[in-house]
Amino acid sequence: MAGPRITVGVGDLAVSNQKGHEIVTHSLGSCLGVLIYDQSAAVGGLLHLMLPDSNLNLERAAKQPAVFADTGLPTLFKNAYALGAKKGRMRVVVVGGSQLLDESGRFNIGQRNYAAVRKIFWRNNVLIDVEDVGGQVNRTVGLEIGSGRVWMKVNSGEMRFL
């Protein structure tokens, strides 16, 4: 594991260029974790978004852009660019989007979050390199800034690298 750990809460994000840092978020259910990493600049970031569209609550989106896909993703990328990252060099990993509490599938928040992220990326010519989405599991995910290594744990305790 890496050095100092930055924990990203629900509806938040973090970006770092400190090679000893590790950025982690816990318990991704219907939420999505979006991790980006530019190996050349050694800049990475993690967004823990909750909902697909800021039109649900524009006031909240203004105060907490990371809550929503359409405001959180641009904020994540802009913060990484400010530290020297370049869009064309980014590795993108998407994790989460489970259907845990809504077993009937009526709301499909996880699926809607994933669809929103894919649509935004498609519009902006961003490709997802690795994804682990859907199902009925909680995921914890982390990014080691020095190496760019992304790891994930599921609620069974299984850990793997993405």
N, C-alpha and C. Protein backbone atom coordinates (compact mmCIF):
# COMPACT_ATOMS: atom_id res chain seq x y z
N MET A 1 0.83 -1.20 0.00
CA MET A 1 0.00 0.00 0.00
C MET A 1 0.88 1.26 0.00
N ALA A 2 0.30 2.31 -0.41
CA ALA A 2 1.01 3.59 -0.52
C ALA A 2 1.06 4.29 0.84
N GLY A 3 1.52 5.53 0.82
CA GLY A 3 1.66 6.32 2.04
C GLY A 3 0.36 6.91 2.51
N PRO A 4 0.35 8.22 2.78
CA PRO A 4 -0.85 8.87 3.33
C PRO A 4 -2.10 8.60 2.47
N ARG A 5 -3.19 8.32 3.17
CA ARG A 5 -4.44 7.97 2.50
C ARG A 5 -5.40 9.15 2.55
N ILE A 6 -5.96 9.49 1.40
CA ILE A 6 -7.00 10.51 1.28
C ILE A 6 -8.30 9.75 1.09
N THR A 7 -9.24 9.93 2.01
CA THR A 7 -10.52 9.25 1.92
C THR A 7 -11.55 10.19 1.30
N VAL A 8 -12.19 9.71 0.25
CA VAL A 8 -13.21 10.48 -0.46
C VAL A 8 -14.57 9.98 0.01
N GLY A 9 -15.37 10.89 0.54
CA GLY A 9 -16.71 10.55 1.00
C GLY A 9 -17.71 10.53 -0.14
N VAL A 10 -18.93 10.18 0.18
CA VAL A 10 -20.02 10.16 -0.79
C VAL A 10 -20.26 11.57 -1.30
N GLY A 11 -20.34 11.73 -2.62
CA GLY A 11 -20.58 13.04 -3.21
C GLY A 11 -19.39 13.97 -3.09
N ASP A 12 -18.18 13.40 -3.12
CA ASP A 12 -16.97 14.20 -2.99
C ASP A 12 -15.93 13.70 -3.99
N LEU A 13 -14.80 14.40 -4.05
CA LEU A 13 -13.72 13.99 -4.93
C LEU A 13 -12.40 14.48 -4.36
N ALA A 14 -11.32 13.88 -4.86
CA ALA A 14 -9.97 14.31 -4.49
C ALA A 14 -9.06 14.07 -5.67
N VAL A 15 -8.06 14.94 -5.80
CA VAL A 15 -7.05 14.84 -6.85
C VAL A 15 -5.70 15.08 -6.18
N SER A 16 -4.68 14.35 -6.64
CA SER A 16 -3.36 14.51 -6.05
C SER A 16 -2.26 14.29 -7.08
N ASN A 17 -1.12 14.93 -6.82
CA ASN A 17 0.09 14.68 -7.59
C ASN A 17 1.24 14.29 -6.66
N GLN A 18 0.91 13.90 -5.45
CA GLN A 18 1.89 13.48 -4.45
C GLN A 18 2.09 11.98 -4.55
N LYS A 19 3.27 11.57 -4.99
CA LYS A 19 3.52 10.16 -5.29
C LYS A 19 3.29 9.22 -4.11
N GLY A 20 3.34 9.69 -2.90
CA GLY A 20 3.09 8.83 -1.75
C GLY A 20 1.63 8.68 -1.38
N HIS A 21 0.76 9.46 -2.00
CA HIS A 21 -0.65 9.44 -1.64
C HIS A 21 -1.39 8.23 -2.22
N GLU A 22 -2.44 7.87 -1.52
CA GLU A 22 -3.40 6.88 -2.00
C GLU A 22 -4.77 7.50 -1.79
N ILE A 23 -5.61 7.48 -2.81
CA ILE A 23 -6.96 8.03 -2.71
C ILE A 23 -7.92 6.85 -2.69
N VAL A 24 -8.83 6.84 -1.70
CA VAL A 24 -9.72 5.71 -1.47
C VAL A 24 -11.14 6.18 -1.25
N THR A 25 -12.11 5.40 -1.71
CA THR A 25 -13.50 5.61 -1.33
C THR A 25 -14.10 4.26 -0.96
N HIS A 26 -15.01 4.29 -0.01
CA HIS A 26 -15.58 3.07 0.56
C HIS A 26 -17.05 2.90 0.18
N SER A 27 -17.47 1.65 0.16
CA SER A 27 -18.89 1.27 0.08
C SER A 27 -19.62 1.88 -1.10
N LEU A 28 -19.08 1.70 -2.29
CA LEU A 28 -19.81 2.10 -3.49
C LEU A 28 -20.93 1.10 -3.72
N GLY A 29 -22.15 1.55 -3.61
CA GLY A 29 -23.32 0.72 -3.91
C GLY A 29 -23.84 1.18 -5.26
N SER A 30 -24.96 1.92 -5.24
CA SER A 30 -25.49 2.47 -6.49
C SER A 30 -24.66 3.66 -6.97
N CYS A 31 -23.85 4.21 -6.08
CA CYS A 31 -22.94 5.30 -6.45
C CYS A 31 -21.87 4.76 -7.39
N LEU A 32 -21.22 5.67 -8.10
CA LEU A 32 -20.11 5.29 -8.97
C LEU A 32 -18.83 5.94 -8.48
N GLY A 33 -17.76 5.20 -8.55
CA GLY A 33 -16.43 5.74 -8.34
C GLY A 33 -15.77 5.88 -9.70
N VAL A 34 -15.32 7.07 -10.03
CA VAL A 34 -14.61 7.31 -11.28
C VAL A 34 -13.18 7.69 -10.92
N LEU A 35 -12.23 6.90 -11.39
CA LEU A 35 -10.82 7.13 -11.11
C LEU A 35 -10.12 7.51 -12.39
N ILE A 36 -9.29 8.53 -12.34
CA ILE A 36 -8.51 8.94 -13.50
C ILE A 36 -7.05 9.02 -13.09
N TYR A 37 -6.16 8.71 -14.06
CA TYR A 37 -4.74 8.75 -13.76
C TYR A 37 -3.95 9.05 -15.02
N ASP A 38 -3.06 10.04 -14.91
CA ASP A 38 -2.13 10.38 -15.98
C ASP A 38 -0.74 9.96 -15.52
N GLN A 39 -0.22 8.87 -16.10
CA GLN A 39 1.07 8.31 -15.70
C GLN A 39 2.21 9.31 -15.91
N SER A 40 2.20 10.03 -17.03
CA SER A 40 3.28 10.97 -17.35
C SER A 40 3.39 12.09 -16.32
N ALA A 41 2.25 12.60 -15.88
CA ALA A 41 2.24 13.69 -14.91
C ALA A 41 2.17 13.19 -13.47
N ALA A 42 1.94 11.89 -13.28
CA ALA A 42 1.73 11.29 -11.95
C ALA A 42 0.64 12.05 -11.20
N VAL A 43 -0.49 12.24 -11.89
CA VAL A 43 -1.65 12.93 -11.33
C VAL A 43 -2.84 11.98 -11.40
N GLY A 44 -3.54 11.87 -10.29
CA GLY A 44 -4.71 11.02 -10.28
C GLY A 44 -5.82 11.61 -9.45
N GLY A 45 -7.01 11.10 -9.67
CA GLY A 45 -8.16 11.59 -8.92
C GLY A 45 -9.25 10.55 -8.83
N LEU A 46 -10.15 10.78 -7.88
CA LEU A 46 -11.26 9.87 -7.65
C LEU A 46 -12.50 10.69 -7.31
N LEU A 47 -13.59 10.36 -7.98
CA LEU A 47 -14.89 10.99 -7.76
C LEU A 47 -15.86 9.92 -7.27
N HIS A 48 -16.60 10.22 -6.19
CA HIS A 48 -17.64 9.31 -5.66
C HIS A 48 -18.98 10.01 -5.89
N LEU A 49 -19.58 9.77 -7.07
CA LEU A 49 -20.82 10.45 -7.41
C LEU A 49 -22.03 9.64 -6.99
N MET A 50 -23.10 10.35 -6.65
CA MET A 50 -24.32 9.72 -6.14
C MET A 50 -25.45 9.63 -7.16
N LEU A 51 -25.59 10.68 -7.97
CA LEU A 51 -26.77 10.80 -8.83
C LEU A 51 -26.37 11.25 -10.23
N PRO A 52 -27.19 10.92 -11.23
CA PRO A 52 -26.80 11.20 -12.61
C PRO A 52 -26.90 12.66 -13.06
N ASP A 53 -27.87 13.39 -12.55
CA ASP A 53 -28.20 14.67 -13.18
C ASP A 53 -28.42 15.78 -12.14
N SER A 54 -27.68 16.86 -12.28
CA SER A 54 -27.77 17.98 -11.34
C SER A 54 -29.09 18.73 -11.41
N ASN A 55 -29.87 18.51 -12.47
CA ASN A 55 -31.18 19.17 -12.55
C ASN A 55 -32.11 18.72 -11.42
N LEU A 56 -31.76 17.63 -10.76
CA LEU A 56 -32.55 17.18 -9.60
C LEU A 56 -32.48 18.19 -8.46
N ASN A 57 -31.34 18.90 -8.35
CA ASN A 57 -31.16 19.87 -7.28
C ASN A 57 -30.02 20.82 -7.65
N LEU A 58 -30.34 21.86 -8.38
CA LEU A 58 -29.31 22.78 -8.89
C LEU A 58 -28.58 23.51 -7.76
N GLU A 59 -29.29 23.81 -6.69
CA GLU A 59 -28.66 24.48 -5.56
C GLU A 59 -27.59 23.59 -4.93
N ARG A 60 -27.93 22.33 -4.75
CA ARG A 60 -26.94 21.39 -4.18
C ARG A 60 -25.76 21.19 -5.14
N ALA A 61 -26.05 21.12 -6.43
CA ALA A 61 -24.99 20.95 -7.43
C ALA A 61 -24.00 22.11 -7.40
N ALA A 62 -24.50 23.32 -7.15
CA ALA A 62 -23.62 24.48 -7.08
C ALA A 62 -22.68 24.39 -5.87
N LYS A 63 -23.20 23.86 -4.76
CA LYS A 63 -22.40 23.74 -3.53
C LYS A 63 -21.55 22.48 -3.51
N GLN A 64 -22.07 21.38 -4.06
CA GLN A 64 -21.39 20.08 -4.04
C GLN A 64 -21.45 19.45 -5.43
N PRO A 65 -20.65 19.94 -6.36
CA PRO A 65 -20.73 19.41 -7.73
C PRO A 65 -20.42 17.92 -7.84
N ALA A 66 -19.66 17.37 -6.91
CA ALA A 66 -19.27 15.96 -6.99
C ALA A 66 -20.43 15.00 -6.73
N VAL A 67 -21.55 15.49 -6.26
CA VAL A 67 -22.71 14.63 -6.01
C VAL A 67 -23.26 14.08 -7.32
N PHE A 68 -23.18 14.86 -8.39
CA PHE A 68 -23.84 14.54 -9.65
C PHE A 68 -22.83 14.24 -10.76
N ALA A 69 -23.18 13.32 -11.64
CA ALA A 69 -22.29 12.95 -12.75
C ALA A 69 -21.98 14.15 -13.65
N ASP A 70 -23.01 14.91 -14.01
CA ASP A 70 -22.82 15.97 -15.00
C ASP A 70 -22.04 17.18 -14.47
N THR A 71 -21.95 17.33 -13.17
CA THR A 71 -21.14 18.42 -12.61
C THR A 71 -19.85 17.88 -11.98
N GLY A 72 -19.89 16.66 -11.47
CA GLY A 72 -18.72 16.07 -10.82
C GLY A 72 -17.61 15.69 -11.79
N LEU A 73 -17.98 15.10 -12.92
CA LEU A 73 -16.94 14.69 -13.88
C LEU A 73 -16.13 15.87 -14.41
N PRO A 74 -16.77 16.96 -14.85
CA PRO A 74 -15.96 18.11 -15.30
C PRO A 74 -15.07 18.67 -14.18
N THR A 75 -15.58 18.67 -12.95
CA THR A 75 -14.79 19.17 -11.82
C THR A 75 -13.57 18.28 -11.59
N LEU A 76 -13.77 16.97 -11.63
CA LEU A 76 -12.67 16.02 -11.45
C LEU A 76 -11.58 16.25 -12.49
N PHE A 77 -11.97 16.32 -13.75
CA PHE A 77 -10.99 16.50 -14.83
C PHE A 77 -10.30 17.86 -14.74
N LYS A 78 -11.05 18.92 -14.48
CA LYS A 78 -10.44 20.26 -14.37
C LYS A 78 -9.42 20.31 -13.24
N ASN A 79 -9.74 19.69 -12.11
CA ASN A 79 -8.80 19.66 -10.99
C ASN A 79 -7.53 18.89 -11.35
N ALA A 80 -7.67 17.81 -12.11
CA ALA A 80 -6.50 17.05 -12.55
C ALA A 80 -5.68 17.86 -13.57
N TYR A 81 -6.35 18.55 -14.47
CA TYR A 81 -5.64 19.39 -15.45
C TYR A 81 -4.82 20.47 -14.73
N ALA A 82 -5.37 21.01 -13.67
CA ALA A 82 -4.68 22.07 -12.91
C ALA A 82 -3.36 21.57 -12.31
N LEU A 83 -3.24 20.24 -12.14
CA LEU A 83 -2.01 19.66 -11.61
C LEU A 83 -1.10 19.11 -12.71
N GLY A 84 -1.48 19.33 -13.98
CA GLY A 84 -0.62 18.94 -15.09
C GLY A 84 -1.08 17.74 -15.90
N ALA A 85 -2.21 17.16 -15.55
CA ALA A 85 -2.72 16.01 -16.31
C ALA A 85 -3.23 16.47 -17.68
N LYS A 86 -3.21 15.55 -18.63
CA LYS A 86 -3.72 15.80 -19.98
C LYS A 86 -4.77 14.74 -20.31
N LYS A 87 -5.86 15.18 -20.91
CA LYS A 87 -6.99 14.30 -21.20
C LYS A 87 -6.58 13.07 -22.01
N GLY A 88 -5.79 13.24 -23.04
CA GLY A 88 -5.41 12.13 -23.91
C GLY A 88 -4.53 11.08 -23.26
N ARG A 89 -3.97 11.39 -22.10
CA ARG A 89 -3.10 10.43 -21.41
C ARG A 89 -3.80 9.74 -20.25
N MET A 90 -5.03 10.11 -19.98
CA MET A 90 -5.73 9.60 -18.80
C MET A 90 -6.16 8.15 -18.95
N ARG A 91 -5.90 7.39 -17.91
CA ARG A 91 -6.49 6.06 -17.76
C ARG A 91 -7.75 6.28 -16.93
N VAL A 92 -8.87 5.71 -17.36
CA VAL A 92 -10.16 5.92 -16.69
C VAL A 92 -10.71 4.58 -16.21
N VAL A 93 -11.06 4.52 -14.94
CA VAL A 93 -11.64 3.33 -14.33
C VAL A 93 -12.97 3.73 -13.70
N VAL A 94 -14.00 2.93 -13.93
CA VAL A 94 -15.33 3.18 -13.37
C VAL A 94 -15.75 1.95 -12.57
N VAL A 95 -16.17 2.20 -11.32
CA VAL A 95 -16.51 1.12 -10.40
C VAL A 95 -17.80 1.47 -9.67
N GLY A 96 -18.67 0.49 -9.45
CA GLY A 96 -19.88 0.70 -8.65
C GLY A 96 -21.14 0.45 -9.46
N GLY A 97 -22.15 1.26 -9.19
CA GLY A 97 -23.41 1.16 -9.93
C GLY A 97 -24.21 -0.10 -9.62
N SER A 98 -24.09 -0.59 -8.41
CA SER A 98 -24.84 -1.78 -8.01
C SER A 98 -26.32 -1.46 -7.81
N GLN A 99 -27.09 -2.52 -7.72
CA GLN A 99 -28.51 -2.39 -7.42
C GLN A 99 -28.73 -3.10 -6.10
N LEU A 100 -28.55 -2.37 -4.99
CA LEU A 100 -28.58 -3.00 -3.67
C LEU A 100 -29.91 -2.85 -2.97
N LEU A 101 -30.36 -1.64 -2.78
CA LEU A 101 -31.56 -1.40 -1.97
C LEU A 101 -32.84 -1.47 -2.79
N ASP A 102 -32.69 -1.35 -4.10
CA ASP A 102 -33.85 -1.29 -4.99
C ASP A 102 -33.96 -2.62 -5.75
N GLU A 103 -34.27 -3.68 -5.03
CA GLU A 103 -34.28 -5.01 -5.64
C GLU A 103 -35.32 -5.13 -6.75
N SER A 104 -36.37 -4.33 -6.71
CA SER A 104 -37.39 -4.38 -7.75
C SER A 104 -36.89 -3.75 -9.05
N GLY A 105 -35.82 -2.96 -8.96
CA GLY A 105 -35.29 -2.30 -10.15
C GLY A 105 -36.09 -1.08 -10.56
N ARG A 106 -36.95 -0.61 -9.68
CA ARG A 106 -37.84 0.50 -10.02
C ARG A 106 -37.09 1.80 -10.27
N PHE A 107 -36.09 2.07 -9.46
CA PHE A 107 -35.37 3.34 -9.59
C PHE A 107 -34.09 3.20 -10.42
N ASN A 108 -33.43 2.07 -10.33
CA ASN A 108 -32.21 1.81 -11.10
C ASN A 108 -31.19 2.93 -11.02
N ILE A 109 -30.93 3.43 -9.82
CA ILE A 109 -29.99 4.55 -9.67
C ILE A 109 -28.60 4.17 -10.18
N GLY A 110 -28.13 2.97 -9.82
CA GLY A 110 -26.81 2.54 -10.28
C GLY A 110 -26.72 2.52 -11.79
N GLN A 111 -27.72 1.96 -12.42
CA GLN A 111 -27.75 1.88 -13.88
C GLN A 111 -27.86 3.28 -14.50
N ARG A 112 -28.66 4.14 -13.89
CA ARG A 112 -28.79 5.51 -14.41
C ARG A 112 -27.49 6.29 -14.24
N ASN A 113 -26.80 6.09 -13.11
CA ASN A 113 -25.51 6.74 -12.91
C ASN A 113 -24.52 6.31 -14.00
N TYR A 114 -24.46 5.01 -14.24
CA TYR A 114 -23.54 4.47 -15.23
C TYR A 114 -23.87 5.00 -16.63
N ALA A 115 -25.15 5.02 -16.99
CA ALA A 115 -25.56 5.53 -18.30
C ALA A 115 -25.18 7.01 -18.45
N ALA A 116 -25.35 7.79 -17.39
CA ALA A 116 -25.00 9.22 -17.45
C ALA A 116 -23.50 9.40 -17.65
N VAL A 117 -22.69 8.63 -16.93
CA VAL A 117 -21.23 8.73 -17.06
C VAL A 117 -20.81 8.34 -18.47
N ARG A 118 -21.35 7.24 -18.99
CA ARG A 118 -20.99 6.79 -20.35
C ARG A 118 -21.36 7.87 -21.38
N LYS A 119 -22.52 8.48 -21.23
CA LYS A 119 -22.98 9.51 -22.17
C LYS A 119 -22.06 10.73 -22.13
N ILE A 120 -21.70 11.17 -20.94
CA ILE A 120 -20.80 12.33 -20.80
C ILE A 120 -19.44 12.01 -21.40
N PHE A 121 -18.91 10.82 -21.11
CA PHE A 121 -17.62 10.43 -21.68
C PHE A 121 -17.69 10.35 -23.20
N TRP A 122 -18.75 9.78 -23.73
CA TRP A 122 -18.91 9.65 -25.17
C TRP A 122 -18.89 11.03 -25.84
N ARG A 123 -19.64 11.97 -25.26
CA ARG A 123 -19.69 13.33 -25.80
C ARG A 123 -18.34 14.03 -25.77
N ASN A 124 -17.48 13.62 -24.84
CA ASN A 124 -16.19 14.29 -24.66
C ASN A 124 -14.99 13.45 -25.12
N ASN A 125 -15.26 12.42 -25.90
CA ASN A 125 -14.19 11.56 -26.43
C ASN A 125 -13.30 10.98 -25.33
N VAL A 126 -13.89 10.50 -24.28
CA VAL A 126 -13.16 9.86 -23.19
C VAL A 126 -13.54 8.38 -23.18
N LEU A 127 -12.55 7.52 -23.23
CA LEU A 127 -12.79 6.09 -23.20
C LEU A 127 -12.58 5.54 -21.79
N ILE A 128 -13.42 4.61 -21.40
CA ILE A 128 -13.25 3.92 -20.13
C ILE A 128 -12.31 2.75 -20.38
N ASP A 129 -11.20 2.70 -19.64
CA ASP A 129 -10.22 1.64 -19.82
C ASP A 129 -10.62 0.36 -19.09
N VAL A 130 -11.14 0.50 -17.88
CA VAL A 130 -11.54 -0.66 -17.08
C VAL A 130 -12.80 -0.28 -16.31
N GLU A 131 -13.71 -1.24 -16.21
CA GLU A 131 -14.91 -0.99 -15.41
C GLU A 131 -15.31 -2.26 -14.67
N ASP A 132 -15.88 -2.06 -13.51
CA ASP A 132 -16.47 -3.14 -12.73
C ASP A 132 -17.75 -2.55 -12.16
N VAL A 133 -18.86 -2.76 -12.86
CA VAL A 133 -20.12 -2.09 -12.52
C VAL A 133 -21.26 -3.10 -12.46
N GLY A 134 -22.32 -2.69 -11.77
CA GLY A 134 -23.53 -3.49 -11.68
C GLY A 134 -23.46 -4.53 -10.58
N GLY A 135 -24.34 -5.48 -10.68
CA GLY A 135 -24.41 -6.54 -9.68
C GLY A 135 -25.07 -6.07 -8.40
N GLN A 136 -24.79 -6.83 -7.34
CA GLN A 136 -25.40 -6.52 -6.04
C GLN A 136 -24.35 -6.57 -4.94
N VAL A 137 -23.24 -5.88 -5.16
CA VAL A 137 -22.15 -5.87 -4.18
C VAL A 137 -21.73 -4.44 -3.88
N ASN A 138 -21.19 -4.26 -2.68
CA ASN A 138 -20.52 -3.01 -2.33
C ASN A 138 -19.07 -3.12 -2.76
N ARG A 139 -18.50 -2.02 -3.20
CA ARG A 139 -17.11 -2.01 -3.60
C ARG A 139 -16.37 -0.88 -2.91
N THR A 140 -15.14 -1.16 -2.50
CA THR A 140 -14.21 -0.14 -2.01
C THR A 140 -13.09 -0.11 -3.04
N VAL A 141 -12.67 1.10 -3.40
CA VAL A 141 -11.68 1.22 -4.46
C VAL A 141 -10.62 2.25 -4.07
N GLY A 142 -9.41 2.03 -4.55
CA GLY A 142 -8.32 2.95 -4.24
C GLY A 142 -7.37 3.13 -5.41
N LEU A 143 -6.70 4.27 -5.42
CA LEU A 143 -5.72 4.62 -6.46
C LEU A 143 -4.43 5.04 -5.78
N GLU A 144 -3.34 4.38 -6.13
CA GLU A 144 -2.01 4.75 -5.63
C GLU A 144 -1.41 5.74 -6.62
N ILE A 145 -1.14 6.95 -6.16
CA ILE A 145 -0.69 8.01 -7.06
C ILE A 145 0.69 7.72 -7.66
N GLY A 146 1.62 7.19 -6.89
CA GLY A 146 2.96 6.95 -7.41
C GLY A 146 3.01 5.95 -8.55
N SER A 147 2.21 4.88 -8.45
CA SER A 147 2.25 3.80 -9.45
C SER A 147 1.08 3.85 -10.42
N GLY A 148 0.00 4.51 -10.05
CA GLY A 148 -1.21 4.50 -10.86
C GLY A 148 -2.02 3.23 -10.68
N ARG A 149 -1.61 2.38 -9.76
CA ARG A 149 -2.30 1.11 -9.54
C ARG A 149 -3.66 1.36 -8.89
N VAL A 150 -4.69 0.71 -9.43
CA VAL A 150 -6.04 0.79 -8.90
C VAL A 150 -6.40 -0.58 -8.32
N TRP A 151 -6.86 -0.58 -7.08
CA TRP A 151 -7.30 -1.82 -6.44
C TRP A 151 -8.75 -1.71 -6.02
N MET A 152 -9.39 -2.86 -5.89
CA MET A 152 -10.80 -2.89 -5.51
C MET A 152 -11.04 -4.06 -4.57
N LYS A 153 -11.87 -3.81 -3.56
CA LYS A 153 -12.33 -4.87 -2.66
C LYS A 153 -13.85 -4.93 -2.76
N VAL A 154 -14.39 -6.13 -2.78
CA VAL A 154 -15.83 -6.30 -2.75
C VAL A 154 -16.22 -6.77 -1.36
N ASN A 155 -17.53 -6.77 -1.06
CA ASN A 155 -17.97 -7.08 0.29
C ASN A 155 -17.61 -8.48 0.76
N SER A 156 -17.20 -9.36 -0.13
CA SER A 156 -16.74 -10.69 0.27
C SER A 156 -15.33 -10.64 0.84
N GLY A 157 -14.66 -9.50 0.69
CA GLY A 157 -13.30 -9.34 1.15
C GLY A 157 -12.27 -9.58 0.06
N GLU A 158 -12.73 -10.07 -1.09
CA GLU A 158 -11.83 -10.31 -2.22
C GLU A 158 -11.22 -8.99 -2.68
N MET A 159 -9.90 -8.99 -2.90
CA MET A 159 -9.24 -7.79 -3.41
C MET A 159 -8.60 -8.13 -4.75
N ARG A 160 -8.72 -7.21 -5.69
CA ARG A 160 -8.04 -7.41 -6.97
C ARG A 160 -7.62 -6.07 -7.54
N PHE A 161 -6.70 -6.14 -8.47
CA PHE A 161 -6.19 -4.93 -9.12
C PHE A 161 -6.85 -4.77 -10.47
N LEU A 162 -7.20 -3.53 -10.79
CA LEU A 162 -7.88 -3.21 -12.05
C LEU A 162 -6.94 -2.49 -13.01
